Amino acid sequence: MRLRKVKNALEKIQEYPSIVIPDAQSYKGKWKEVFKNDNPIYLEIGMGKGKFIMELAEKNPDVNYVGIERYSSVLLRGLQKRAEMDVSNIYFMRIDALELAEVFDAEEVDRIYLNFSDPWPKARHARRRLTSTQFLAQYDKVLAKEGVVEFKVRETCEMTNISPEQACETVITAVSNLK
């Protein structure tokens, strides 16, 4: 996805107060109140323009969704699409994924989606990957005991400087920590 800067994107995001959570930290432990139900909460981190999460929200009204995007210009495009939909089970936030534990309480999230995240292919950028150990540790802090992190990637292990063994070890470690 090409990232084009939208002039005044942050200000334009404020035009959607019914679907954007501005002060997300104040809702920690209170997300069931935000959605006004006890349905499971699924996150998409790095949601881009939101196509994936909005399709899920339409198909699964019994699941609550939160789309997380770091970049204002990209989030704004998703909000514009969402404004045309008639669903009540989805909200959006503009935060960094490293802040998850400040926004969600322990075991408050049931599933996390990472779809085609920026691969950060250089070894020196490994810590920026949404599948790095520092991010996996954040997911572990908020996921329910039976929670799932589901991710899709287009790069190969060679491209990310991760061996298949390391990838499996990271995933196994993340899953074992969830129990």
Foldseek 3Di string as FASTA:
>chain_A
DDDDDDPPLVVLVVVPVLFEDECLLVCAVPVCVNLVHDAAEEEEEQCFLPPVVVVVCVVCLRYAYEYEHQDSRRPSNNSVVVVPDDHRRYHYYHDHLLCLCSRYAAQRHAEYEYEAPDLLQDPVCLVVDCLDLSNLVSCLRHHALNHYYDYDHDDDCVSNVHDPVRSVVSRVVSNVSSD
